[in-house]
Amino acid sequence: MFKVSKLVNKLKKKIKFALDERAYKNHSVSELGALQQTTEQLNYLWIVYDSCRYDTLLKASTPVLDSYAKIYPAWSPATYTLPAHISFFAGILPIVYEEVPYLNRFYKQLITMRKAGEARKEAIDDMTLFLPESDKDIIHGFNSLGYHTVGSAAASWFSKEILVKNFQDFQFKRVQSFPEQINYISKSIKENAENKPFFAFMNLIETHSPYMHYGADREEYGIKARGEMQFPPEEDELERTERGVKLHKAQIEAAEYCDAQLESLFSNLPANTLVVLTADHGEAFGEDGFWGHGIYHPTVMNVPMSCFKLDRSLEL
């Protein structure tokens, strides 16, 4: 009976992955062309590589991102998607321990709003954006200043109203590709932000297991997470070096896939757009017996972070 149940579950899993693959594929980036804005205010684009640990971007080949800025190691405020993004939308992003402007909020802070991530006086400079006081999130603050706010995500936590309720436009689809998100974000900005600045947000699922871009065998990549962890954790050297290395390699290739899409995204946006690229948390691949996320471990807490303007006028 146990063997039959196991076979049925395996078949269900294969069917689910086949359906997800069909939903994920067949999206290319539309050639909309860069938006010509009448406003001179700075636009903001936040990109979150879901579950992407810092050393993944360090090891990945990312020529597009590298052409704009350095990638720094930062520390996430949370171990999984929901609390990390609640923190982000309160204005508290991952923090770089070096004195890098806008990536270390104790040194220089990019956005400040009373009652949500208020900056210290010494952390304010000419780049700091002051949002109106609010007991809601910074998305509400951007709305109050007249920005067009738009977001897109595929992680299942974005089905929760708490994360998306203050965006003017938001698209959540459980299985959604980066090119599909680029089309949605670009179209929304093109139609709504000619005469106003915008704040755009993207949560990308490609770097989250089971690495949707990866191919037909990707069902192998989503099976070792919190549900299978043993406590207390105990490292299995063979499993870590075989299965863990394979998982990490898949995430590295996912990051490389995402980098290849950035050019298309950036070409649809005006030059006066400031980009913050980071991750909500990382992922453990067997180190010290830890797998997945939602647990405290350096591989989960250490994430990549970068900040730059599309006209390359900001060097950090």
Protein backbone atom coordinates (compact mmCIF):
# COMPACT_ATOMS: atom_id res chain seq x y z
CA MET A 1 0.00 0.00 0.00
CA PHE A 2 2.86 2.34 0.90
CA LYS A 3 4.57 1.70 -2.46
CA VAL A 4 1.33 2.41 -4.36
CA SER A 5 0.85 5.67 -2.46
CA LYS A 6 4.43 6.67 -3.20
CA LEU A 7 3.97 5.96 -6.92
CA VAL A 8 0.69 7.93 -7.00
CA ASN A 9 2.37 10.92 -5.34
CA LYS A 10 5.26 10.73 -7.78
CA LEU A 11 2.81 10.67 -10.72
CA LYS A 12 0.91 13.65 -9.30
CA LYS A 13 4.17 15.53 -8.99
CA LYS A 14 5.12 14.80 -12.60
CA ILE A 15 1.70 15.96 -13.82
CA LYS A 16 2.01 19.15 -11.76
CA PHE A 17 5.42 19.91 -13.22
CA ALA A 18 4.16 19.23 -16.75
CA LEU A 19 1.28 21.67 -16.24
CA ASP A 20 3.59 24.26 -14.70
CA GLU A 21 6.00 23.92 -17.61
CA ARG A 22 3.21 24.53 -20.10
CA ALA A 23 2.09 27.64 -18.18
CA TYR A 24 5.65 28.93 -17.87
CA LYS A 25 6.83 28.61 -21.45
CA ASN A 26 6.06 30.52 -24.66
CA HIS A 27 6.62 34.06 -23.45
CA SER A 28 9.01 36.45 -25.14
CA VAL A 29 9.63 40.12 -24.46
CA SER A 30 7.54 42.56 -26.50
CA GLU A 31 9.48 45.33 -28.21
CA LEU A 32 7.77 48.34 -26.67
CA GLY A 33 10.75 50.69 -26.76
CA ALA A 34 11.89 52.96 -23.95
CA LEU A 35 9.30 55.24 -22.38
CA GLN A 36 9.82 58.93 -23.15
CA GLN A 37 8.74 60.66 -19.95
CA THR A 38 7.76 64.31 -19.61
CA THR A 39 8.65 64.16 -15.90
CA GLU A 40 12.22 64.65 -14.70
CA GLN A 41 11.71 62.90 -11.36
CA LEU A 42 13.67 59.76 -10.59
CA ASN A 43 11.93 56.43 -11.20
CA TYR A 44 12.51 53.37 -9.00
CA LEU A 45 12.73 49.70 -9.94
CA TRP A 46 13.20 47.05 -7.25
CA ILE A 47 14.10 43.56 -8.46
CA VAL A 48 14.10 40.63 -6.04
CA TYR A 49 15.68 37.33 -7.07
CA ASP A 50 13.66 34.98 -4.88
CA SER A 51 15.76 32.60 -2.72
CA CYS A 52 19.03 33.69 -4.32
CA ARG A 53 22.03 33.44 -2.01
CA TYR A 54 24.97 35.82 -2.37
CA ASP A 55 27.54 33.31 -3.57
CA THR A 56 25.16 32.30 -6.38
CA LEU A 57 25.52 35.71 -8.05
CA LEU A 58 29.21 35.72 -7.16
CA LYS A 59 29.75 32.48 -9.10
CA ALA A 60 27.28 33.18 -11.92
CA SER A 61 28.26 34.83 -15.18
CA THR A 62 26.29 38.10 -15.08
CA PRO A 63 27.72 40.41 -17.78
CA VAL A 64 24.66 42.69 -17.92
CA LEU A 65 24.51 43.34 -14.20
CA ASP A 66 28.30 43.65 -14.02
CA SER A 67 28.21 46.38 -16.67
CA TYR A 68 26.14 48.55 -14.33
CA ALA A 69 27.40 48.00 -10.80
CA LYS A 70 29.21 45.91 -8.22
CA ILE A 71 27.32 43.14 -6.42
CA TYR A 72 27.72 43.35 -2.65
CA PRO A 73 27.07 40.76 0.07
CA ALA A 74 24.14 41.86 2.24
CA TRP A 75 22.14 40.45 5.15
CA SER A 76 18.42 39.87 4.80
CA PRO A 77 15.97 40.88 7.55
CA ALA A 78 14.14 37.55 7.28
CA THR A 79 14.47 33.86 6.44
CA TYR A 80 11.57 33.55 4.00
CA THR A 81 9.54 35.53 1.49
CA LEU A 82 6.60 36.97 3.46
CA PRO A 83 8.42 38.69 6.34
CA ALA A 84 11.28 39.76 4.06
CA HIS A 85 8.92 41.64 1.74
CA ILE A 86 6.90 43.14 4.59
CA SER A 87 10.22 44.56 5.76
CA PHE A 88 11.13 45.75 2.26
CA PHE A 89 7.82 47.56 1.87
CA ALA A 90 8.43 49.27 5.22
CA GLY A 91 11.62 50.65 3.66
CA ILE A 92 14.01 48.20 5.38
CA LEU A 93 16.01 46.41 2.69
CA PRO A 94 18.88 43.95 3.21
CA ILE A 95 21.91 45.72 4.61
CA VAL A 96 25.50 45.79 3.34
CA TYR A 97 27.94 46.03 6.25
CA GLU A 98 30.35 48.23 4.27
CA GLU A 99 29.74 52.00 4.19
CA VAL A 100 28.08 51.90 0.78
CA PRO A 101 25.47 54.65 0.17
CA TYR A 102 21.85 53.40 -0.07
CA LEU A 103 22.90 49.79 0.55
CA ASN A 104 23.78 50.53 4.19
CA ARG A 105 20.86 52.53 5.61
CA PHE A 106 22.90 53.58 8.66
CA TYR A 107 25.34 55.32 6.30
CA LYS A 108 23.03 56.76 3.61
CA GLN A 109 19.37 55.86 3.14
CA LEU A 110 17.59 55.90 -0.20
CA ILE A 111 13.94 56.23 0.91
CA THR A 112 12.53 57.48 4.20
CA MET A 113 9.00 57.68 5.56
CA ARG A 114 7.91 58.37 9.13
CA LYS A 115 6.36 55.35 10.82
CA ALA A 116 7.91 53.08 8.17
CA GLY A 117 11.68 52.87 7.88
CA GLU A 118 12.44 56.45 8.92
CA ALA A 119 16.03 57.50 8.20
CA ARG A 120 18.43 58.84 10.79
CA LYS A 121 19.40 62.48 10.21
CA GLU A 122 23.01 61.62 9.42
CA ALA A 123 21.86 59.08 6.80
CA ILE A 124 20.01 61.66 4.66
CA ASP A 125 21.53 63.24 1.56
CA ASP A 126 20.42 64.74 -1.77
CA MET A 127 19.38 61.33 -3.12
CA THR A 128 17.11 60.49 -0.18
CA LEU A 129 13.44 60.46 -1.15
CA PHE A 130 11.02 61.69 1.51
CA LEU A 131 7.64 59.97 1.37
CA PRO A 132 4.61 61.44 3.16
CA GLU A 133 4.06 60.18 6.71
CA SER A 134 1.93 57.06 6.69
CA ASP A 135 0.90 54.22 8.97
CA LYS A 136 0.85 52.00 5.86
CA ASP A 137 3.74 50.90 3.63
CA ILE A 138 6.05 52.80 1.27
CA ILE A 139 3.87 51.80 -1.71
CA HIS A 140 1.12 53.92 -0.17
CA GLY A 141 3.71 56.67 0.27
CA PHE A 142 4.68 56.55 -3.40
CA ASN A 143 1.00 56.70 -4.34
CA SER A 144 0.57 59.79 -2.15
CA LEU A 145 3.43 61.53 -3.99
CA GLY A 146 1.77 60.86 -7.36
CA TYR A 147 3.92 57.94 -8.52
CA HIS A 148 2.50 55.12 -10.59
CA THR A 149 3.07 51.94 -8.57
CA VAL A 150 3.19 48.57 -10.31
CA GLY A 151 4.37 45.14 -9.28
CA SER A 152 4.63 41.59 -10.52
CA ALA A 153 5.43 38.33 -8.74
CA ALA A 154 5.18 34.56 -9.05
CA ALA A 155 6.02 33.46 -5.49
CA SER A 156 2.86 32.11 -3.85
CA TRP A 157 3.10 34.54 -0.91
CA PHE A 158 2.02 37.31 -3.31
CA SER A 159 -1.46 35.86 -3.37
CA LYS A 160 -1.74 37.49 0.07
CA GLU A 161 -3.44 40.89 0.16
CA ILE A 162 -1.01 42.15 2.79
CA LEU A 163 1.81 42.36 0.23
CA VAL A 164 -0.01 43.78 -2.79
CA LYS A 165 -3.01 45.80 -1.60
CA ASN A 166 -1.45 49.27 -2.02
CA PHE A 167 -0.09 48.82 -5.58
CA GLN A 168 -2.12 50.50 -8.32
CA ASP A 169 -1.31 47.61 -10.67
CA PHE A 170 -0.18 44.18 -9.59
CA GLN A 171 0.04 40.85 -11.38
CA PHE A 172 0.39 37.65 -9.40
CA LYS A 173 0.65 34.38 -11.29
CA ARG A 174 1.97 31.29 -9.58
CA VAL A 175 3.83 30.15 -12.67
CA GLN A 176 5.14 33.23 -14.40
CA SER A 177 8.30 33.78 -16.42
CA PHE A 178 10.65 36.74 -16.26
CA PRO A 179 9.82 37.71 -19.89
CA GLU A 180 6.10 37.66 -19.03
CA GLN A 181 6.78 39.93 -16.07
CA ILE A 182 8.85 42.29 -18.22
CA ASN A 183 5.90 42.64 -20.60
CA TYR A 184 3.45 43.34 -17.78
CA ILE A 185 5.65 45.90 -16.01
CA SER A 186 6.70 47.65 -19.24
CA LYS A 187 3.12 47.89 -20.53
CA SER A 188 1.82 49.28 -17.22
CA ILE A 189 4.57 51.91 -17.10
CA LYS A 190 4.10 52.82 -20.77
CA GLU A 191 0.37 53.36 -20.28
CA ASN A 192 0.46 55.13 -16.91
CA ALA A 193 3.79 56.90 -16.32
CA GLU A 194 4.38 59.24 -19.24
CA ASN A 195 3.46 62.27 -17.11
CA LYS A 196 4.48 60.94 -13.70
CA PRO A 197 7.34 58.95 -12.15
CA PHE A 198 6.94 55.29 -11.27
CA PHE A 199 7.87 52.76 -8.61
CA ALA A 200 8.04 49.24 -10.07
CA PHE A 201 8.63 46.00 -8.20
CA MET A 202 9.46 42.52 -9.50
CA ASN A 203 9.81 39.25 -7.59
CA LEU A 204 11.39 36.63 -9.84
CA ILE A 205 10.72 32.94 -9.30
CA GLU A 206 13.47 31.59 -11.58
CA THR A 207 16.05 31.47 -8.77
CA HIS A 208 13.63 29.63 -6.46
CA SER A 209 13.54 25.84 -6.63
CA PRO A 210 12.55 24.02 -8.79
CA TYR A 211 14.21 26.56 -11.14
CA MET A 212 11.48 26.85 -13.74
CA HIS A 213 13.79 27.81 -16.61
CA TYR A 214 15.93 24.74 -16.11
CA GLY A 215 14.42 22.00 -18.26
CA ALA A 216 12.43 18.80 -18.29
CA ASP A 217 14.23 17.20 -15.32
CA ARG A 218 13.70 20.15 -12.98
CA GLU A 219 11.34 18.09 -10.77
CA GLU A 220 14.53 16.78 -9.16
CA TYR A 221 15.34 20.23 -7.84
CA GLY A 222 12.44 20.98 -5.52
CA ILE A 223 12.44 18.03 -3.16
CA LYS A 224 14.87 18.87 -0.36
CA ALA A 225 13.47 21.68 1.76
CA ARG A 226 12.15 22.29 5.28
CA GLY A 227 9.69 19.40 5.06
CA GLU A 228 12.51 16.88 4.69
CA MET A 229 14.97 18.39 7.16
CA GLN A 230 15.86 16.49 10.30
CA PHE A 231 16.32 18.20 13.65
CA PRO A 232 18.82 18.58 15.02
CA PRO A 233 20.42 19.02 11.56
CA GLU A 234 23.33 16.77 10.78
CA GLU A 235 25.43 17.25 7.68
CA ASP A 236 25.66 14.37 5.25
CA GLU A 237 28.88 15.04 3.36
CA LEU A 238 27.98 12.79 0.42
CA GLU A 239 24.48 14.24 0.02
CA ARG A 240 25.77 17.80 0.34
CA THR A 241 28.53 17.36 -2.23
CA GLU A 242 26.33 15.49 -4.71
CA ARG A 243 22.75 16.69 -4.31
CA GLY A 244 23.61 20.05 -2.74
CA VAL A 245 26.15 20.97 -5.42
CA LYS A 246 23.65 20.00 -8.12
CA LEU A 247 21.00 22.28 -6.56
CA HIS A 248 23.43 25.17 -6.26
CA LYS A 249 24.52 24.75 -9.86
CA ALA A 250 20.87 24.95 -10.93
CA GLN A 251 20.42 28.21 -9.02
CA ILE A 252 23.59 29.65 -10.55
CA GLU A 253 22.28 28.85 -14.03
CA ALA A 254 18.93 30.40 -13.08
CA ALA A 255 20.74 33.62 -12.12
CA GLU A 256 22.55 33.56 -15.46
CA TYR A 257 19.22 33.15 -17.25
CA CYS A 258 17.82 36.16 -15.37
CA ASP A 259 20.86 38.26 -16.25
CA ALA A 260 20.28 37.55 -19.93
CA GLN A 261 16.76 39.02 -19.58
CA LEU A 262 17.84 42.26 -17.89
CA GLU A 263 18.86 43.93 -21.14
CA SER A 264 15.31 43.60 -22.49
CA LEU A 265 13.83 44.95 -19.27
CA PHE A 266 16.17 47.93 -19.09
CA SER A 267 15.68 48.83 -22.76
CA ASN A 268 11.98 49.42 -22.05
CA LEU A 269 12.65 51.85 -19.19
CA PRO A 270 13.76 55.50 -19.12
CA ALA A 271 17.40 56.31 -18.34
CA ASN A 272 16.51 58.15 -15.11
CA THR A 273 15.48 54.90 -13.42
CA LEU A 274 17.26 53.82 -10.26
CA VAL A 275 17.48 50.04 -9.85
CA VAL A 276 17.87 48.17 -6.59
CA LEU A 277 18.53 44.47 -7.13
CA THR A 278 18.61 42.05 -4.21
CA ALA A 279 17.10 38.81 -2.85
CA ASP A 280 14.59 38.20 -0.09
CA HIS A 281 16.63 35.35 1.41
CA GLY A 282 19.08 32.69 0.36
CA GLU A 283 18.98 28.91 0.33
CA ALA A 284 20.84 26.16 2.19
CA PHE A 285 22.08 23.29 0.07
CA GLY A 286 23.09 20.84 2.77
CA GLU A 287 25.64 22.96 4.62
CA ASP A 288 25.72 21.88 8.30
CA GLY A 289 22.70 19.70 7.54
CA PHE A 290 20.44 22.62 6.57
CA TRP A 291 18.29 22.55 3.44
CA GLY A 292 16.00 25.17 1.92
CA HIS A 293 15.06 28.33 3.79
CA GLY A 294 12.86 29.49 6.64
CA ILE A 295 15.74 28.62 8.97
CA TYR A 296 18.64 30.71 10.31
CA HIS A 297 21.88 29.87 8.57
CA PRO A 298 24.45 32.14 6.84
CA THR A 299 23.57 30.66 3.43
CA VAL A 300 19.93 31.73 4.01
CA MET A 301 20.67 35.17 5.45
CA ASN A 302 23.46 36.28 3.07
CA VAL A 303 22.01 37.76 -0.13
CA PRO A 304 23.28 39.80 -3.09
CA MET A 305 22.60 43.53 -3.38
CA SER A 306 23.29 46.18 -5.99
CA CYS A 307 22.12 49.72 -6.75
CA PHE A 308 22.58 51.72 -9.95
CA LYS A 309 20.97 54.12 -12.42
CA LEU A 310 20.27 53.01 -15.96
CA ASP A 311 22.18 56.04 -17.30
CA ARG A 312 25.19 54.76 -15.29
CA SER A 313 25.56 58.11 -13.49
CA LEU A 314 25.63 56.46 -10.05
CA GLU A 315 28.74 54.53 -9.07
CA LEU A 316 28.79 52.55 -5.82
